[in-house]
C-alpha atoms as a PDB file:
ATOM      1  CA  UNK A   1       2.736   3.429 -13.762  1.00  0.00           C
ATOM      2  CA  UNK A   2      -0.834   2.342 -12.784  1.00  0.00           C
ATOM      3  CA  UNK A   3      -1.571   0.343  -9.706  1.00  0.00           C
ATOM      4  CA  UNK A   4      -2.218  -2.829 -11.547  1.00  0.00           C
ATOM      5  CA  UNK A   5       1.001  -2.858 -13.337  1.00  0.00           C
ATOM      6  CA  UNK A   6       3.046  -2.226 -10.186  1.00  0.00           C
ATOM      7  CA  UNK A   7       4.560  -5.210  -8.378  1.00  0.00           C
ATOM      8  CA  UNK A   8       3.835  -5.785  -4.760  1.00  0.00           C
ATOM      9  CA  UNK A   9       7.419  -4.778  -3.947  1.00  0.00           C
ATOM     10  CA  UNK A  10       7.064  -1.474  -5.804  1.00  0.00           C
ATOM     11  CA  UNK A  11       3.788  -0.706  -3.900  1.00  0.00           C
ATOM     12  CA  UNK A  12       5.392  -1.529  -0.523  1.00  0.00           C
ATOM     13  CA  UNK A  13       8.367   0.737  -1.417  1.00  0.00           C
ATOM     14  CA  UNK A  14       5.863   3.459  -2.401  1.00  0.00           C
ATOM     15  CA  UNK A  15       3.990   3.068   0.897  1.00  0.00           C
ATOM     16  CA  UNK A  16       7.254   3.126   2.862  1.00  0.00           C
ATOM     17  CA  UNK A  17       8.132   6.454   1.047  1.00  0.00           C
ATOM     18  CA  UNK A  18       4.758   7.921   1.960  1.00  0.00           C
ATOM     19  CA  UNK A  19       2.872   7.338  -1.262  1.00  0.00           C
ATOM     20  CA  UNK A  20      -0.457   6.302   0.211  1.00  0.00           C
ATOM     21  CA  UNK A  21      -2.077   6.296  -3.235  1.00  0.00           C
ATOM     22  CA  UNK A  22      -0.659   2.822  -3.844  1.00  0.00           C
ATOM     23  CA  UNK A  23      -3.066   1.537  -1.189  1.00  0.00           C
ATOM     24  CA  UNK A  24      -6.521   2.866  -2.127  1.00  0.00           C
ATOM     25  CA  UNK A  25      -8.076   0.750   0.594  1.00  0.00           C
ATOM     26  CA  UNK A  26      -5.885   2.430   3.290  1.00  0.00           C
ATOM     27  CA  UNK A  27      -7.003   5.913   2.040  1.00  0.00           C
ATOM     28  CA  UNK A  28     -10.693   4.818   1.872  1.00  0.00           C
ATOM     29  CA  UNK A  29     -10.540   3.589   5.554  1.00  0.00           C
ATOM     30  CA  UNK A  30     -10.179   7.215   6.643  1.00  0.00           C
ATOM     31  CA  UNK A  31     -12.916   8.695   4.414  1.00  0.00           C
ATOM     32  CA  UNK A  32     -15.829  10.159   6.395  1.00  0.00           C
ATOM     33  CA  UNK A  33     -14.254   9.672   9.891  1.00  0.00           C
ATOM     34  CA  UNK A  34     -13.704  13.265  10.480  1.00  0.00           C
ATOM     35  CA  UNK A  35     -17.292  14.186   9.634  1.00  0.00           C
ATOM     36  CA  UNK A  36     -18.680  11.311  11.579  1.00  0.00           C
ATOM     37  CA  UNK A  37     -16.580  12.278  14.673  1.00  0.00           C
ATOM     38  CA  UNK A  38     -18.400  15.543  15.112  1.00  0.00           C
ATOM     39  CA  UNK A  39     -15.133  17.046  16.408  1.00  0.00           C
ATOM     40  CA  UNK A  40     -13.498  20.197  15.126  1.00  0.00           C
ATOM     41  CA  UNK A  41     -10.299  19.663  12.986  1.00  0.00           C
ATOM     42  CA  UNK A  42      -7.828  20.453  15.607  1.00  0.00           C
ATOM     43  CA  UNK A  43      -9.394  18.140  18.242  1.00  0.00           C
ATOM     44  CA  UNK A  44      -9.714  15.372  15.707  1.00  0.00           C
ATOM     45  CA  UNK A  45      -6.028  15.547  14.864  1.00  0.00           C
ATOM     46  CA  UNK A  46      -5.040  15.744  18.524  1.00  0.00           C
ATOM     47  CA  UNK A  47      -7.039  12.594  19.300  1.00  0.00           C
ATOM     48  CA  UNK A  48      -5.317  10.856  16.329  1.00  0.00           C
ATOM     49  CA  UNK A  49      -1.908  11.996  17.667  1.00  0.00           C
ATOM     50  CA  UNK A  50      -2.866  10.546  21.132  1.00  0.00           C
ATOM     51  CA  UNK A  51      -3.805   7.294  19.413  1.00  0.00           C
ATOM     52  CA  UNK A  52      -0.464   7.163  17.660  1.00  0.00           C
ATOM     53  CA  UNK A  53       1.345   7.542  20.839  1.00  0.00           C
ATOM     54  CA  UNK A  54      -0.727   4.712  22.453  1.00  0.00           C
ATOM     55  CA  UNK A  55      -0.150   2.504  19.515  1.00  0.00           C
ATOM     56  CA  UNK A  56       3.473   3.392  19.041  1.00  0.00           C
ATOM     57  CA  UNK A  57       2.857   4.475  15.496  1.00  0.00           C
ATOM     58  CA  UNK A  58       5.533   4.466  12.780  1.00  0.00           C
ATOM     59  CA  UNK A  59       7.375   7.566  11.746  1.00  0.00           C
ATOM     60  CA  UNK A  60       5.447   7.608   8.452  1.00  0.00           C
ATOM     61  CA  UNK A  61       2.224   7.530  10.344  1.00  0.00           C
ATOM     62  CA  UNK A  62       3.461  10.445  12.503  1.00  0.00           C
ATOM     63  CA  UNK A  63       4.474  12.379   9.392  1.00  0.00           C
ATOM     64  CA  UNK A  64       1.080  12.055   7.784  1.00  0.00           C
ATOM     65  CA  UNK A  65      -0.808  13.010  10.899  1.00  0.00           C
ATOM     66  CA  UNK A  66       1.541  15.861  11.882  1.00  0.00           C
ATOM     67  CA  UNK A  67       1.214  17.225   8.374  1.00  0.00           C
ATOM     68  CA  UNK A  68      -2.522  17.185   8.497  1.00  0.00           C
ATOM     69  CA  UNK A  69      -2.390  18.707  12.051  1.00  0.00           C
ATOM     70  CA  UNK A  70      -0.211  21.517  10.833  1.00  0.00           C
ATOM     71  CA  UNK A  71      -2.543  22.184   7.877  1.00  0.00           C
ATOM     72  CA  UNK A  72      -5.316  22.606  10.526  1.00  0.00           C
ATOM     73  CA  UNK A  73      -3.225  25.087  12.623  1.00  0.00           C
ATOM     74  CA  UNK A  74      -2.448  22.619  15.401  1.00  0.00           C
ATOM     75  CA  UNK A  75       0.574  23.971  17.187  1.00  0.00           C
ATOM     76  CA  UNK A  76       3.581  22.050  18.669  1.00  0.00           C
ATOM     77  CA  UNK A  77       2.380  23.293  22.092  1.00  0.00           C
ATOM     78  CA  UNK A  78      -0.938  21.570  21.536  1.00  0.00           C
ATOM     79  CA  UNK A  79       0.695  18.361  20.568  1.00  0.00           C
ATOM     80  CA  UNK A  80       3.020  18.455  23.535  1.00  0.00           C
ATOM     81  CA  UNK A  81       0.055  19.273  25.748  1.00  0.00           C
ATOM     82  CA  UNK A  82      -1.809  16.133  24.280  1.00  0.00           C
ATOM     83  CA  UNK A  83       1.292  13.935  25.053  1.00  0.00           C
ATOM     84  CA  UNK A  84       1.571  15.303  28.488  1.00  0.00           C
ATOM     85  CA  UNK A  85      -2.185  14.773  29.176  1.00  0.00           C
ATOM     86  CA  UNK A  86      -1.965  11.116  28.124  1.00  0.00           C
ATOM     87  CA  UNK A  87       1.360  10.347  29.782  1.00  0.00           C
ATOM     88  CA  UNK A  88       0.028   9.279  33.164  1.00  0.00           C
ATOM     89  CA  UNK A  89      -2.282   6.826  31.416  1.00  0.00           C
ATOM     90  CA  UNK A  90       0.159   5.382  28.803  1.00  0.00           C
ATOM     91  CA  UNK A  91       3.457   5.780  30.494  1.00  0.00           C
ATOM     92  CA  UNK A  92       6.709   7.462  30.043  1.00  0.00           C
ATOM     93  CA  UNK A  93       8.047   4.803  27.629  1.00  0.00           C
ATOM     94  CA  UNK A  94       5.289   5.499  25.161  1.00  0.00           C
ATOM     95  CA  UNK A  95       5.712   9.252  25.327  1.00  0.00           C
ATOM     96  CA  UNK A  96       9.444   9.033  24.879  1.00  0.00           C
ATOM     97  CA  UNK A  97       8.907   6.734  21.892  1.00  0.00           C
ATOM     98  CA  UNK A  98       6.435   9.066  20.475  1.00  0.00           C
ATOM     99  CA  UNK A  99       8.876  11.973  20.830  1.00  0.00           C
ATOM    100  CA  UNK A 100      11.506   9.913  19.003  1.00  0.00           C
ATOM    101  CA  UNK A 101       9.093   8.884  16.233  1.00  0.00           C
ATOM    102  CA  UNK A 102       8.089  12.631  15.781  1.00  0.00           C
ATOM    103  CA  UNK A 103      11.813  13.556  15.451  1.00  0.00           C
ATOM    104  CA  UNK A 104      12.244  10.776  12.894  1.00  0.00           C
ATOM    105  CA  UNK A 105       9.054  11.921  11.029  1.00  0.00           C
ATOM    106  CA  UNK A 106      10.299  15.421  10.885  1.00  0.00           C
ATOM    107  CA  UNK A 107      13.715  14.246   9.557  1.00  0.00           C
ATOM    108  CA  UNK A 108      11.860  12.103   7.033  1.00  0.00           C
ATOM    109  CA  UNK A 109       9.750  15.048   5.884  1.00  0.00           C
ATOM    110  CA  UNK A 110      12.969  17.021   5.361  1.00  0.00           C
ATOM    111  CA  UNK A 111      14.540  14.209   3.295  1.00  0.00           C
ATOM    112  CA  UNK A 112      11.401  13.880   1.165  1.00  0.00           C
ATOM    113  CA  UNK A 113      11.374  17.588   0.638  1.00  0.00           C
ATOM    114  CA  UNK A 114      15.036  17.447  -0.446  1.00  0.00           C
ATOM    115  CA  UNK A 115      14.277  14.561  -2.898  1.00  0.00           C
ATOM    116  CA  UNK A 116      11.442  16.506  -4.494  1.00  0.00           C
ATOM    117  CA  UNK A 117      13.620  19.494  -4.921  1.00  0.00           C
ATOM    118  CA  UNK A 118      16.125  17.277  -6.670  1.00  0.00           C
ATOM    119  CA  UNK A 119      13.581  15.925  -9.179  1.00  0.00           C
END
């Protein structure tokens, strides 16, 4: 089903399930930001992870960014180190929330993997 024939409800359901292709604009917003940052891949992802913690990002946002971070070889220790580094600035509440969202993102990843295996 192409984007134009999908209802808004179907597109929102796809987005909630992690299908960012339904929102081309969202994908395009990220184009070129890595190159423009001048950062190496791991640092770029760690900065994005810090921003997610500050903004109290959704589990789906965490899933997308943790996946990209993992693809770039960012370790769990580096992620924890990043959260530890920003904790005095953002507070315990944001860090605990981030940890909970990370756990939900990992559960969601497992669920999506299981659904794909069933198809």
